[in-house]
Amino acid sequence: MREKKNDLVRFKKDKSIPAPVFKGTGIVLKGPYEDQLKISNSPLPVSTITLVVDVMANGEVWEAIPIEFLERLRN
């Protein structure tokens, strides 16, 4: 199921995912929405459109986190 506003989330424990931006649990503030993410800059710019959310964790707001990197916490 897709993450949505007010869901509690954390980074997936998967070796193929880059290092987590935040540690622990966060709450989704906005999203999901589409955003353009830059993958490469040289020799030609390469970007992709993906679903992202904004998350508040550890007292900071992290913008445009791809939802494929997150997992929703269930009660």
Protein backbone atom coordinates (compact mmCIF):
# COMPACT_ATOMS: atom_id res chain seq x y z
CA MET A 1 0.00 0.00 0.00
CA ARG A 2 1.21 3.49 -0.83
CA GLU A 3 2.31 5.93 1.87
CA LYS A 4 0.06 8.93 2.44
CA LYS A 5 -0.20 11.99 4.69
CA ASN A 6 0.04 11.24 8.44
CA ASP A 7 1.50 7.73 7.97
CA LEU A 8 4.43 6.68 10.13
CA VAL A 9 7.32 5.52 7.93
CA ARG A 10 10.95 4.40 8.10
CA PHE A 11 13.59 3.50 5.52
CA LYS A 12 13.44 -0.05 4.20
CA LYS A 13 16.17 -2.40 5.35
CA ASP A 14 17.35 -3.30 1.87
CA LYS A 15 20.95 -3.35 0.64
CA SER A 16 20.00 -1.90 -2.77
CA ILE A 17 18.74 1.36 -1.18
CA PRO A 18 21.23 4.19 -0.62
CA ALA A 19 22.10 5.23 2.94
CA PRO A 20 19.03 6.50 4.83
CA VAL A 21 18.51 10.25 4.94
CA PHE A 22 17.03 10.06 8.43
CA LYS A 23 17.20 7.50 11.22
CA GLY A 24 14.26 6.04 13.11
CA THR A 25 10.64 6.84 12.40
CA GLY A 26 9.15 9.80 10.55
CA ILE A 27 5.69 11.10 9.71
CA VAL A 28 4.56 11.90 6.16
CA LEU A 29 3.66 15.60 5.90
CA LYS A 30 2.85 15.84 2.19
CA GLY A 31 2.29 13.45 -0.64
CA PRO A 32 2.51 11.32 -2.50
CA TYR A 33 3.25 13.58 -5.45
CA GLU A 34 5.34 13.32 -8.60
CA ASP A 35 8.76 14.93 -8.69
CA GLN A 36 11.65 14.95 -11.13
CA LEU A 37 14.83 13.49 -9.64
CA LYS A 38 18.21 14.04 -11.27
CA ILE A 39 20.13 10.76 -11.64
CA SER A 40 23.18 11.88 -13.57
CA ASN A 41 24.69 15.14 -14.72
CA SER A 42 27.38 14.12 -17.18
CA PRO A 43 27.87 13.80 -20.06
CA LEU A 44 24.12 14.36 -20.57
CA PRO A 45 21.64 15.17 -17.82
CA VAL A 46 19.46 12.18 -16.94
CA SER A 47 16.38 12.46 -14.75
CA THR A 48 13.34 10.42 -13.81
CA ILE A 49 9.82 11.13 -12.60
CA THR A 50 8.87 9.24 -9.42
CA LEU A 51 6.38 9.38 -6.56
CA VAL A 52 7.80 11.10 -3.49
CA VAL A 53 6.68 12.28 -0.05
CA ASP A 54 7.85 14.91 2.44
CA VAL A 55 8.74 13.42 5.84
CA MET A 56 9.39 14.98 9.25
CA ALA A 57 11.89 13.01 11.33
CA ASN A 58 14.29 13.95 14.11
CA GLY A 59 12.85 17.48 14.16
CA GLU A 60 13.70 18.14 10.50
CA VAL A 61 11.63 18.11 7.29
CA TRP A 62 13.04 15.98 4.47
CA GLU A 63 11.57 16.78 1.07
CA ALA A 64 11.07 14.56 -1.98
CA ILE A 65 11.91 11.14 -0.50
CA PRO A 66 11.01 8.43 -3.08
CA ILE A 67 8.30 6.14 -1.70
CA GLU A 68 10.11 3.02 -2.92
CA PHE A 69 12.75 3.71 -0.22
CA LEU A 70 10.18 3.83 2.60
CA GLU A 71 8.02 1.31 4.42
CA ARG A 72 4.84 2.13 6.29
CA LEU A 73 4.60 1.11 9.94
CA ARG A 74 1.44 -0.73 10.89
CA ASN A 75 -0.23 -0.88 14.29
